[in-house]
Amino acid sequence: MIRFVSGTDTGIGKTVVSAVLARRSLEQGMSVRYVKPLQTGGDDDAAVVRSAGIDARTLLRFPDPLAPAVAAELSGTTIDFDGLVRDTRACGDGVDVLYVEGAGGLLVPITEKHTMADFAEALDAELIVVARPGLGTLNHTALTIEAAERRGLHVATIVVSDYTGGRTEETNLVQLRELGPPIEVLERIADRH
């Protein structure tokens, strides 16, 4: 099984969510692996997930913290979309579940012709959408779910990351539940990545 972790935005906790979900799967007796196919900027998301005791890998790394298509172009590299799909699938060999963390949201470009949504579709992955708890999340999450559904992607779960409570966050949860997919809430973790 391939689970594609996407977000309604960048910097919202996809890596922490990936680590938590992968660790939970491991504790349920499944064999698990994580892969970050496209890492941009100086972060090392695989290292964060590895610190949770998960086999974690990165396939392509670009120094600039930009959309993968732009970061690759600035580094003089062309991303081979079909090769990336093949290499990502291969990371799932021998495990029950492969967690694939995207970069940013579903419509972030990977190549001139391909987005993260195309990537998730090519992997035949179920989608985990990570959302903020506060202001703006209703619109961002609804747009992400709509984009996923228009492309035939199955949204398995919406994970509200970094939840602290409060009136805005509580009312947002009520509204997010009306979007359809199951909701999971992850409370704020002090050292969030």
N, C-alpha and C. Protein backbone atom coordinates (compact mmCIF):
# COMPACT_ATOMS: atom_id res chain seq x y z
N MET A 1 0.84 -1.17 0.00
CA MET A 1 0.00 0.00 0.00
C MET A 1 0.89 1.24 0.00
N ILE A 2 0.51 2.22 -0.80
CA ILE A 2 1.24 3.48 -0.85
C ILE A 2 0.33 4.58 -0.32
N ARG A 3 0.83 5.31 0.66
CA ARG A 3 0.09 6.44 1.24
C ARG A 3 0.87 7.71 0.93
N PHE A 4 0.24 8.60 0.20
CA PHE A 4 0.88 9.84 -0.24
C PHE A 4 0.47 10.97 0.70
N VAL A 5 1.45 11.55 1.39
CA VAL A 5 1.19 12.62 2.35
C VAL A 5 1.39 13.96 1.66
N SER A 6 0.29 14.68 1.48
CA SER A 6 0.33 15.99 0.85
C SER A 6 -0.19 17.00 1.86
N GLY A 7 -0.10 18.26 1.50
CA GLY A 7 -0.57 19.29 2.41
C GLY A 7 -1.43 20.31 1.71
N THR A 8 -2.07 21.12 2.51
CA THR A 8 -2.83 22.23 1.95
C THR A 8 -1.90 23.41 1.69
N ASP A 9 -0.64 23.27 2.11
CA ASP A 9 0.35 24.34 2.00
C ASP A 9 1.71 23.74 2.33
N THR A 10 2.71 24.58 2.36
CA THR A 10 4.03 24.11 2.76
C THR A 10 4.28 24.49 4.22
N GLY A 11 5.16 23.76 4.88
CA GLY A 11 5.52 24.07 6.25
C GLY A 11 4.42 23.84 7.27
N ILE A 12 3.54 22.87 7.02
CA ILE A 12 2.41 22.67 7.92
C ILE A 12 2.51 21.39 8.74
N GLY A 13 3.61 20.67 8.62
CA GLY A 13 3.78 19.48 9.45
C GLY A 13 3.67 18.16 8.73
N LYS A 14 3.83 18.13 7.41
CA LYS A 14 3.74 16.87 6.67
C LYS A 14 4.77 15.86 7.16
N THR A 15 5.95 16.33 7.50
CA THR A 15 7.01 15.42 7.93
C THR A 15 6.68 14.80 9.28
N VAL A 16 6.23 15.61 10.22
CA VAL A 16 5.85 15.09 11.53
C VAL A 16 4.68 14.12 11.39
N VAL A 17 3.69 14.49 10.58
CA VAL A 17 2.55 13.60 10.36
C VAL A 17 3.03 12.29 9.75
N SER A 18 3.91 12.36 8.76
CA SER A 18 4.46 11.14 8.15
C SER A 18 5.13 10.26 9.20
N ALA A 19 5.93 10.88 10.07
CA ALA A 19 6.63 10.12 11.11
C ALA A 19 5.64 9.48 12.08
N VAL A 20 4.63 10.23 12.50
CA VAL A 20 3.64 9.71 13.45
C VAL A 20 2.86 8.55 12.83
N LEU A 21 2.39 8.73 11.61
CA LEU A 21 1.60 7.68 10.97
C LEU A 21 2.44 6.45 10.65
N ALA A 22 3.68 6.66 10.21
CA ALA A 22 4.57 5.53 9.92
C ALA A 22 4.89 4.76 11.19
N ARG A 23 5.15 5.49 12.26
CA ARG A 23 5.45 4.85 13.54
C ARG A 23 4.24 4.04 14.04
N ARG A 24 3.06 4.62 13.87
CA ARG A 24 1.83 3.92 14.28
C ARG A 24 1.67 2.63 13.49
N SER A 25 1.91 2.69 12.18
CA SER A 25 1.81 1.48 11.35
C SER A 25 2.82 0.43 11.80
N LEU A 26 4.03 0.87 12.12
CA LEU A 26 5.07 -0.04 12.60
C LEU A 26 4.63 -0.71 13.91
N GLU A 27 4.06 0.08 14.82
CA GLU A 27 3.62 -0.46 16.10
C GLU A 27 2.42 -1.40 15.94
N GLN A 28 1.70 -1.31 14.82
CA GLN A 28 0.59 -2.21 14.54
C GLN A 28 1.06 -3.49 13.85
N GLY A 29 2.38 -3.63 13.72
CA GLY A 29 2.94 -4.85 13.18
C GLY A 29 3.20 -4.85 11.69
N MET A 30 3.04 -3.71 11.05
CA MET A 30 3.31 -3.63 9.61
C MET A 30 4.78 -3.29 9.36
N SER A 31 5.28 -3.75 8.23
CA SER A 31 6.61 -3.30 7.81
C SER A 31 6.40 -1.99 7.06
N VAL A 32 7.25 -1.01 7.34
CA VAL A 32 7.03 0.36 6.90
C VAL A 32 8.31 0.96 6.34
N ARG A 33 8.13 1.82 5.36
CA ARG A 33 9.23 2.63 4.84
C ARG A 33 8.67 4.00 4.48
N TYR A 34 9.52 5.00 4.55
CA TYR A 34 9.18 6.37 4.18
C TYR A 34 10.12 6.82 3.08
N VAL A 35 9.61 7.60 2.14
CA VAL A 35 10.48 8.19 1.13
C VAL A 35 10.05 9.62 0.85
N LYS A 36 11.04 10.48 0.72
CA LYS A 36 10.84 11.86 0.28
C LYS A 36 11.45 11.90 -1.12
N PRO A 37 10.62 11.75 -2.15
CA PRO A 37 11.16 11.70 -3.51
C PRO A 37 11.87 12.97 -3.94
N LEU A 38 11.36 14.12 -3.50
CA LEU A 38 11.91 15.41 -3.91
C LEU A 38 12.10 16.31 -2.70
N GLN A 39 13.35 16.47 -2.27
CA GLN A 39 13.66 17.34 -1.14
C GLN A 39 14.27 18.62 -1.68
N THR A 40 13.67 19.75 -1.35
CA THR A 40 14.24 21.03 -1.75
C THR A 40 14.61 21.83 -0.51
N GLY A 41 15.64 22.66 -0.64
CA GLY A 41 16.09 23.45 0.50
C GLY A 41 17.02 22.65 1.39
N GLY A 42 17.35 23.22 2.53
CA GLY A 42 18.34 22.62 3.42
C GLY A 42 17.80 21.59 4.39
N ASP A 43 16.48 21.42 4.46
CA ASP A 43 15.92 20.46 5.41
C ASP A 43 16.27 19.03 5.01
N ASP A 44 16.21 18.13 5.98
CA ASP A 44 16.38 16.71 5.72
C ASP A 44 15.20 15.98 6.37
N ASP A 45 14.07 15.96 5.65
CA ASP A 45 12.86 15.36 6.19
C ASP A 45 13.03 13.89 6.52
N ALA A 46 13.82 13.18 5.72
CA ALA A 46 14.04 11.75 5.98
C ALA A 46 14.72 11.55 7.33
N ALA A 47 15.62 12.45 7.72
CA ALA A 47 16.30 12.33 9.01
C ALA A 47 15.31 12.47 10.16
N VAL A 48 14.33 13.37 10.01
CA VAL A 48 13.31 13.55 11.04
C VAL A 48 12.51 12.26 11.20
N VAL A 49 12.10 11.67 10.09
CA VAL A 49 11.31 10.44 10.14
C VAL A 49 12.18 9.28 10.64
N ARG A 50 13.42 9.25 10.25
CA ARG A 50 14.34 8.21 10.71
C ARG A 50 14.49 8.25 12.23
N SER A 51 14.43 9.46 12.81
CA SER A 51 14.56 9.59 14.27
C SER A 51 13.38 8.95 15.00
N ALA A 52 12.29 8.65 14.27
CA ALA A 52 11.14 7.94 14.86
C ALA A 52 11.28 6.43 14.69
N GLY A 53 12.45 5.99 14.22
CA GLY A 53 12.69 4.55 14.08
C GLY A 53 12.18 3.96 12.78
N ILE A 54 12.01 4.80 11.76
CA ILE A 54 11.48 4.37 10.47
C ILE A 54 12.59 4.36 9.43
N ASP A 55 12.61 3.34 8.59
CA ASP A 55 13.50 3.31 7.43
C ASP A 55 13.07 4.45 6.51
N ALA A 56 13.94 5.44 6.34
CA ALA A 56 13.56 6.64 5.59
C ALA A 56 14.63 6.99 4.56
N ARG A 57 14.16 7.38 3.36
CA ARG A 57 15.05 7.66 2.24
C ARG A 57 14.67 8.95 1.53
N THR A 58 15.65 9.53 0.86
CA THR A 58 15.43 10.68 -0.02
C THR A 58 15.94 10.29 -1.39
N LEU A 59 15.19 10.60 -2.45
CA LEU A 59 15.62 10.23 -3.80
C LEU A 59 16.36 11.36 -4.51
N LEU A 60 15.76 12.52 -4.61
CA LEU A 60 16.40 13.66 -5.28
C LEU A 60 16.43 14.85 -4.34
N ARG A 61 17.55 15.56 -4.33
CA ARG A 61 17.72 16.71 -3.44
C ARG A 61 18.20 17.91 -4.25
N PHE A 62 17.55 19.06 -3.99
CA PHE A 62 17.91 20.31 -4.65
C PHE A 62 18.15 21.37 -3.58
N PRO A 63 19.17 22.20 -3.74
CA PRO A 63 19.55 23.13 -2.66
C PRO A 63 18.56 24.28 -2.42
N ASP A 64 17.87 24.72 -3.46
CA ASP A 64 16.99 25.88 -3.29
C ASP A 64 15.62 25.47 -2.73
N PRO A 65 15.10 26.21 -1.74
CA PRO A 65 13.80 25.90 -1.14
C PRO A 65 12.65 26.41 -2.02
N LEU A 66 12.47 25.76 -3.15
CA LEU A 66 11.48 26.16 -4.15
C LEU A 66 10.70 24.94 -4.61
N ALA A 67 9.67 25.17 -5.41
CA ALA A 67 8.95 24.05 -6.01
C ALA A 67 9.95 23.17 -6.75
N PRO A 68 9.78 21.86 -6.72
CA PRO A 68 10.77 20.97 -7.34
C PRO A 68 11.10 21.31 -8.80
N ALA A 69 10.11 21.64 -9.60
CA ALA A 69 10.38 21.97 -11.01
C ALA A 69 11.32 23.16 -11.12
N VAL A 70 11.11 24.17 -10.29
CA VAL A 70 11.93 25.38 -10.32
C VAL A 70 13.31 25.10 -9.74
N ALA A 71 13.36 24.40 -8.62
CA ALA A 71 14.63 24.07 -7.98
C ALA A 71 15.50 23.22 -8.90
N ALA A 72 14.88 22.26 -9.60
CA ALA A 72 15.64 21.42 -10.53
C ALA A 72 16.18 22.25 -11.68
N GLU A 73 15.36 23.12 -12.24
CA GLU A 73 15.80 23.97 -13.36
C GLU A 73 16.97 24.86 -12.94
N LEU A 74 16.88 25.45 -11.76
CA LEU A 74 17.97 26.32 -11.29
C LEU A 74 19.26 25.56 -11.04
N SER A 75 19.15 24.27 -10.74
CA SER A 75 20.36 23.47 -10.52
C SER A 75 20.84 22.79 -11.80
N GLY A 76 20.15 23.06 -12.91
CA GLY A 76 20.57 22.48 -14.19
C GLY A 76 20.17 21.03 -14.36
N THR A 77 19.16 20.60 -13.63
CA THR A 77 18.72 19.21 -13.66
C THR A 77 17.33 19.11 -14.28
N THR A 78 17.09 18.02 -14.96
CA THR A 78 15.75 17.72 -15.47
C THR A 78 15.23 16.53 -14.68
N ILE A 79 14.04 16.67 -14.13
CA ILE A 79 13.43 15.57 -13.38
C ILE A 79 12.76 14.62 -14.36
N ASP A 80 13.15 13.36 -14.30
CA ASP A 80 12.53 12.31 -15.11
C ASP A 80 11.32 11.80 -14.34
N PHE A 81 10.13 12.28 -14.71
CA PHE A 81 8.92 11.95 -13.97
C PHE A 81 8.68 10.45 -13.91
N ASP A 82 8.74 9.77 -15.05
CA ASP A 82 8.50 8.32 -15.06
C ASP A 82 9.54 7.57 -14.24
N GLY A 83 10.79 8.03 -14.32
CA GLY A 83 11.84 7.41 -13.51
C GLY A 83 11.62 7.64 -12.03
N LEU A 84 11.12 8.83 -11.67
CA LEU A 84 10.84 9.13 -10.27
C LEU A 84 9.70 8.25 -9.75
N VAL A 85 8.69 8.05 -10.57
CA VAL A 85 7.59 7.15 -10.19
C VAL A 85 8.13 5.74 -9.98
N ARG A 86 8.94 5.27 -10.91
CA ARG A 86 9.50 3.91 -10.82
C ARG A 86 10.37 3.77 -9.56
N ASP A 87 11.24 4.75 -9.31
CA ASP A 87 12.14 4.67 -8.15
C ASP A 87 11.38 4.76 -6.84
N THR A 88 10.31 5.56 -6.83
CA THR A 88 9.50 5.68 -5.62
C THR A 88 8.77 4.37 -5.35
N ARG A 89 8.18 3.80 -6.39
CA ARG A 89 7.50 2.50 -6.24
C ARG A 89 8.46 1.44 -5.71
N ALA A 90 9.69 1.45 -6.22
CA ALA A 90 10.69 0.46 -5.80
C ALA A 90 10.99 0.57 -4.31
N CYS A 91 10.85 1.77 -3.74
CA CYS A 91 11.07 1.94 -2.30
C CYS A 91 10.05 1.14 -1.49
N GLY A 92 8.92 0.82 -2.09
CA GLY A 92 7.89 0.06 -1.40
C GLY A 92 8.08 -1.44 -1.47
N ASP A 93 9.07 -1.89 -2.25
CA ASP A 93 9.32 -3.33 -2.35
C ASP A 93 9.67 -3.91 -0.98
N GLY A 94 8.97 -4.97 -0.61
CA GLY A 94 9.29 -5.67 0.62
C GLY A 94 8.67 -5.09 1.88
N VAL A 95 7.83 -4.06 1.76
CA VAL A 95 7.17 -3.51 2.95
C VAL A 95 5.66 -3.50 2.75
N ASP A 96 4.95 -3.50 3.86
CA ASP A 96 3.48 -3.46 3.81
C ASP A 96 2.95 -2.10 3.40
N VAL A 97 3.60 -1.06 3.90
CA VAL A 97 3.12 0.30 3.60
C VAL A 97 4.30 1.23 3.35
N LEU A 98 4.17 2.01 2.30
CA LEU A 98 5.17 3.02 1.95
C LEU A 98 4.53 4.39 2.11
N TYR A 99 5.13 5.22 2.95
CA TYR A 99 4.69 6.60 3.11
C TYR A 99 5.54 7.47 2.19
N VAL A 100 4.88 8.18 1.30
CA VAL A 100 5.56 9.07 0.35
C VAL A 100 5.17 10.49 0.71
N GLU A 101 6.15 11.31 1.07
CA GLU A 101 5.85 12.70 1.41
C GLU A 101 6.09 13.59 0.21
N GLY A 102 5.04 14.29 -0.19
CA GLY A 102 5.14 15.24 -1.28
C GLY A 102 5.84 16.51 -0.85
N ALA A 103 5.96 17.45 -1.78
CA ALA A 103 6.53 18.76 -1.51
C ALA A 103 5.41 19.78 -1.66
N GLY A 104 5.06 20.47 -0.57
CA GLY A 104 3.98 21.45 -0.64
C GLY A 104 2.64 20.78 -0.85
N GLY A 105 1.84 21.36 -1.75
CA GLY A 105 0.49 20.86 -1.99
C GLY A 105 0.36 20.09 -3.28
N LEU A 106 -0.86 19.69 -3.60
CA LEU A 106 -1.13 18.82 -4.74
C LEU A 106 -0.79 19.42 -6.10
N LEU A 107 -0.88 20.73 -6.24
CA LEU A 107 -0.66 21.34 -7.55
C LEU A 107 0.74 21.93 -7.71
N VAL A 108 1.63 21.61 -6.80
CA VAL A 108 3.03 22.04 -6.92
C VAL A 108 3.65 21.31 -8.12
N PRO A 109 4.33 22.06 -9.01
CA PRO A 109 4.90 21.42 -10.20
C PRO A 109 6.17 20.62 -9.91
N ILE A 110 6.19 19.43 -10.51
CA ILE A 110 7.38 18.58 -10.46
C ILE A 110 8.19 18.77 -11.74
N THR A 111 7.48 18.82 -12.85
CA THR A 111 8.07 19.11 -14.16
C THR A 111 7.16 20.13 -14.83
N GLU A 112 7.49 20.48 -16.03
CA GLU A 112 6.66 21.42 -16.79
C GLU A 112 5.25 20.87 -17.00
N LYS A 113 5.12 19.54 -17.04
CA LYS A 113 3.84 18.91 -17.34
C LYS A 113 3.21 18.14 -16.19
N HIS A 114 3.91 17.99 -15.07
CA HIS A 114 3.44 17.13 -13.99
C HIS A 114 3.42 17.85 -12.64
N THR A 115 2.38 17.55 -11.87
CA THR A 115 2.24 18.08 -10.51
C THR A 115 2.33 16.96 -9.49
N MET A 116 2.30 17.35 -8.22
CA MET A 116 2.25 16.35 -7.15
C MET A 116 1.01 15.47 -7.28
N ALA A 117 -0.10 16.05 -7.73
CA ALA A 117 -1.33 15.25 -7.92
C ALA A 117 -1.10 14.18 -8.99
N ASP A 118 -0.42 14.54 -10.07
CA ASP A 118 -0.10 13.55 -11.11
C ASP A 118 0.78 12.44 -10.55
N PHE A 119 1.69 12.83 -9.67
CA PHE A 119 2.60 11.88 -9.04
C PHE A 119 1.84 10.89 -8.17
N ALA A 120 0.95 11.42 -7.30
CA ALA A 120 0.14 10.55 -6.44
C ALA A 120 -0.71 9.61 -7.28
N GLU A 121 -1.26 10.13 -8.37
CA GLU A 121 -2.09 9.30 -9.25
C GLU A 121 -1.25 8.21 -9.91
N ALA A 122 -0.06 8.56 -10.39
CA ALA A 122 0.81 7.57 -11.04
C ALA A 122 1.23 6.47 -10.07
N LEU A 123 1.33 6.81 -8.79
CA LEU A 123 1.68 5.83 -7.76
C LEU A 123 0.48 4.99 -7.33
N ASP A 124 -0.71 5.39 -7.77
CA ASP A 124 -1.96 4.75 -7.34
C ASP A 124 -2.04 4.74 -5.82
N ALA A 125 -1.72 5.90 -5.23
CA ALA A 125 -1.63 6.03 -3.78
C ALA A 125 -2.93 6.58 -3.20
N GLU A 126 -3.20 6.19 -1.96
CA GLU A 126 -4.26 6.88 -1.24
C GLU A 126 -3.66 8.14 -0.65
N LEU A 127 -4.49 9.15 -0.51
CA LEU A 127 -4.01 10.47 -0.13
C LEU A 127 -4.31 10.78 1.33
N ILE A 128 -3.29 11.30 2.00
CA ILE A 128 -3.45 11.85 3.34
C ILE A 128 -3.19 13.34 3.20
N VAL A 129 -4.18 14.15 3.53
CA VAL A 129 -4.06 15.60 3.40
C VAL A 129 -3.80 16.19 4.78
N VAL A 130 -2.68 16.89 4.91
CA VAL A 130 -2.33 17.55 6.16
C VAL A 130 -2.79 19.01 6.07
N ALA A 131 -3.52 19.45 7.09
CA ALA A 131 -4.09 20.80 7.10
C ALA A 131 -3.72 21.53 8.39
N ARG A 132 -3.70 22.85 8.30
CA ARG A 132 -3.52 23.69 9.48
C ARG A 132 -4.80 23.67 10.32
N PRO A 133 -4.69 23.99 11.60
CA PRO A 133 -5.90 24.05 12.41
C PRO A 133 -6.59 25.42 12.39
N GLY A 134 -5.87 26.49 12.08
CA GLY A 134 -6.38 27.84 12.27
C GLY A 134 -7.01 28.48 11.05
N LEU A 135 -7.05 29.80 11.09
CA LEU A 135 -7.67 30.58 10.03
C LEU A 135 -7.09 30.25 8.66
N GLY A 136 -7.97 30.17 7.67
CA GLY A 136 -7.56 29.86 6.31
C GLY A 136 -7.67 28.40 5.95
N THR A 137 -7.75 27.54 6.97
CA THR A 137 -7.73 26.11 6.68
C THR A 137 -8.99 25.62 5.97
N LEU A 138 -10.12 26.25 6.20
CA LEU A 138 -11.35 25.77 5.56
C LEU A 138 -11.25 25.91 4.05
N ASN A 139 -10.82 27.06 3.58
CA ASN A 139 -10.67 27.28 2.15
C ASN A 139 -9.57 26.40 1.56
N HIS A 140 -8.40 26.41 2.18
CA HIS A 140 -7.27 25.63 1.66
C HIS A 140 -7.59 24.14 1.60
N THR A 141 -8.24 23.64 2.64
CA THR A 141 -8.55 22.21 2.69
C THR A 141 -9.63 21.86 1.67
N ALA A 142 -10.67 22.68 1.57
CA ALA A 142 -11.73 22.43 0.59
C ALA A 142 -11.18 22.44 -0.83
N LEU A 143 -10.29 23.39 -1.12
CA LEU A 143 -9.68 23.44 -2.46
C LEU A 143 -8.83 22.20 -2.73
N THR A 144 -8.10 21.75 -1.73
CA THR A 144 -7.26 20.56 -1.89
C THR A 144 -8.12 19.32 -2.12
N ILE A 145 -9.18 19.17 -1.34
CA ILE A 145 -10.07 18.01 -1.50
C ILE A 145 -10.73 18.05 -2.88
N GLU A 146 -11.17 19.23 -3.30
CA GLU A 146 -11.79 19.36 -4.62
C GLU A 146 -10.81 19.00 -5.73
N ALA A 147 -9.57 19.49 -5.62
CA ALA A 147 -8.56 19.17 -6.63
C ALA A 147 -8.28 17.66 -6.66
N ALA A 148 -8.23 17.03 -5.50
CA ALA A 148 -7.99 15.59 -5.44
C ALA A 148 -9.13 14.82 -6.08
N GLU A 149 -10.35 15.18 -5.72
CA GLU A 149 -11.52 14.47 -6.24
C GLU A 149 -11.65 14.64 -7.76
N ARG A 150 -11.35 15.83 -8.27
CA ARG A 150 -11.43 16.06 -9.72
C ARG A 150 -10.44 15.19 -10.48
N ARG A 151 -9.37 14.77 -9.81
CA ARG A 151 -8.36 13.92 -10.44
C ARG A 151 -8.56 12.45 -10.11
N GLY A 152 -9.62 12.14 -9.40
CA GLY A 152 -9.91 10.76 -9.05
C GLY A 152 -9.05 10.20 -7.95
N LEU A 153 -8.42 11.07 -7.15
CA LEU A 153 -7.58 10.60 -6.04
C LEU A 153 -8.46 10.33 -4.83
N HIS A 154 -8.17 9.22 -4.14
CA HIS A 154 -8.92 8.86 -2.94
C HIS A 154 -8.28 9.52 -1.73
N VAL A 155 -9.02 10.41 -1.09
CA VAL A 155 -8.54 11.05 0.14
C VAL A 155 -8.95 10.16 1.31
N ALA A 156 -7.97 9.49 1.89
CA ALA A 156 -8.23 8.55 2.98
C ALA A 156 -8.47 9.28 4.29
N THR A 157 -7.73 10.36 4.52
CA THR A 157 -7.80 11.07 5.79
C THR A 157 -7.36 12.51 5.63
N ILE A 158 -7.97 13.38 6.41
CA ILE A 158 -7.46 14.74 6.60
C ILE A 158 -6.87 14.77 8.00
N VAL A 159 -5.60 15.13 8.10
CA VAL A 159 -4.94 15.22 9.40
C VAL A 159 -4.75 16.70 9.72
N VAL A 160 -5.36 17.13 10.81
CA VAL A 160 -5.18 18.50 11.27
C VAL A 160 -3.97 18.49 12.19
N SER A 161 -2.91 19.15 11.74
CA SER A 161 -1.63 19.11 12.42
C SER A 161 -1.44 20.33 13.32
N ASP A 162 -0.77 20.12 14.42
CA ASP A 162 -0.37 21.22 15.30
C ASP A 162 -1.56 21.85 16.01
N TYR A 163 -2.54 21.04 16.33
CA TYR A 163 -3.77 21.51 16.96
C TYR A 163 -3.51 21.93 18.41
N THR A 164 -4.02 23.10 18.79
CA THR A 164 -3.87 23.58 20.17
C THR A 164 -5.20 23.84 20.85
N GLY A 165 -6.29 23.74 20.12
CA GLY A 165 -7.60 24.05 20.69
C GLY A 165 -7.93 25.51 20.47
N GLY A 166 -8.87 25.98 21.19
CA GLY A 166 -9.29 27.37 20.99
C GLY A 166 -10.50 27.42 20.07
N ARG A 167 -11.19 28.53 20.14
CA ARG A 167 -12.47 28.66 19.44
C ARG A 167 -12.35 28.47 17.93
N THR A 168 -11.39 29.14 17.31
CA THR A 168 -11.24 29.04 15.85
C THR A 168 -10.95 27.61 15.44
N GLU A 169 -10.01 26.96 16.11
CA GLU A 169 -9.63 25.60 15.75
C GLU A 169 -10.78 24.62 15.98
N GLU A 170 -11.51 24.80 17.07
CA GLU A 170 -12.64 23.91 17.35
C GLU A 170 -13.74 24.06 16.31
N THR A 171 -14.08 25.30 15.95
CA THR A 171 -15.12 25.49 14.94
C THR A 171 -14.65 25.01 13.57
N ASN A 172 -13.36 25.15 13.29
CA ASN A 172 -12.83 24.63 12.02
C ASN A 172 -13.00 23.13 11.92
N LEU A 173 -12.78 22.42 13.03
CA LEU A 173 -12.94 20.96 13.02
C LEU A 173 -14.36 20.57 12.63
N VAL A 174 -15.33 21.29 13.15
CA VAL A 174 -16.73 21.01 12.81
C VAL A 174 -16.94 21.16 11.31
N GLN A 175 -16.43 22.24 10.74
CA GLN A 175 -16.59 22.49 9.31
C GLN A 175 -15.79 21.50 8.46
N LEU A 176 -14.59 21.16 8.90
CA LEU A 176 -13.76 20.21 8.14
C LEU A 176 -14.41 18.83 8.06
N ARG A 177 -15.10 18.44 9.12
CA ARG A 177 -15.77 17.13 9.12
C ARG A 177 -16.84 17.05 8.03
N GLU A 178 -17.37 18.19 7.63
CA GLU A 178 -18.40 18.21 6.59
C GLU A 178 -17.84 17.99 5.18
N LEU A 179 -16.53 18.02 5.03
CA LEU A 179 -15.92 17.80 3.72
C LEU A 179 -15.99 16.35 3.27
N GLY A 180 -16.20 15.44 4.22
CA GLY A 180 -16.37 14.03 3.84
C GLY A 180 -15.33 13.07 4.38
N PRO A 181 -14.03 13.26 4.06
CA PRO A 181 -13.05 12.30 4.55
C PRO A 181 -12.93 12.32 6.07
N PRO A 182 -12.52 11.19 6.66
CA PRO A 182 -12.31 11.15 8.10
C PRO A 182 -11.27 12.20 8.52
N ILE A 183 -11.43 12.71 9.73
CA ILE A 183 -10.52 13.71 10.28
C ILE A 183 -9.74 13.09 11.43
N GLU A 184 -8.44 13.35 11.46
CA GLU A 184 -7.61 12.98 12.59
C GLU A 184 -6.93 14.25 13.07
N VAL A 185 -6.81 14.41 14.37
CA VAL A 185 -6.21 15.60 14.95
C VAL A 185 -4.92 15.21 15.66
N LEU A 186 -3.83 15.91 15.30
CA LEU A 186 -2.56 15.73 16.00
C LEU A 186 -2.27 17.02 16.75
N GLU A 187 -2.18 16.90 18.06
CA GLU A 187 -1.93 18.08 18.87
C GLU A 187 -0.51 18.56 18.69
N ARG A 188 -0.27 19.81 19.07
CA ARG A 188 1.03 20.43 18.89
C ARG A 188 2.11 19.61 19.57
N ILE A 189 3.17 19.39 18.82
CA ILE A 189 4.37 18.72 19.35
C ILE A 189 5.40 19.81 19.51
N ALA A 190 6.03 19.87 20.67
CA ALA A 190 6.93 20.98 20.99
C ALA A 190 7.98 21.22 19.92
N ASP A 191 8.69 20.17 19.47
CA ASP A 191 9.76 20.33 18.49
C ASP A 191 9.25 19.91 17.12
N ARG A 192 8.30 20.67 16.61
CA ARG A 192 7.69 20.34 15.31
C ARG A 192 8.60 20.72 14.18
N HIS A 193 8.65 19.86 13.17
CA HIS A 193 9.47 20.14 11.97
C HIS A 193 8.57 20.63 10.87
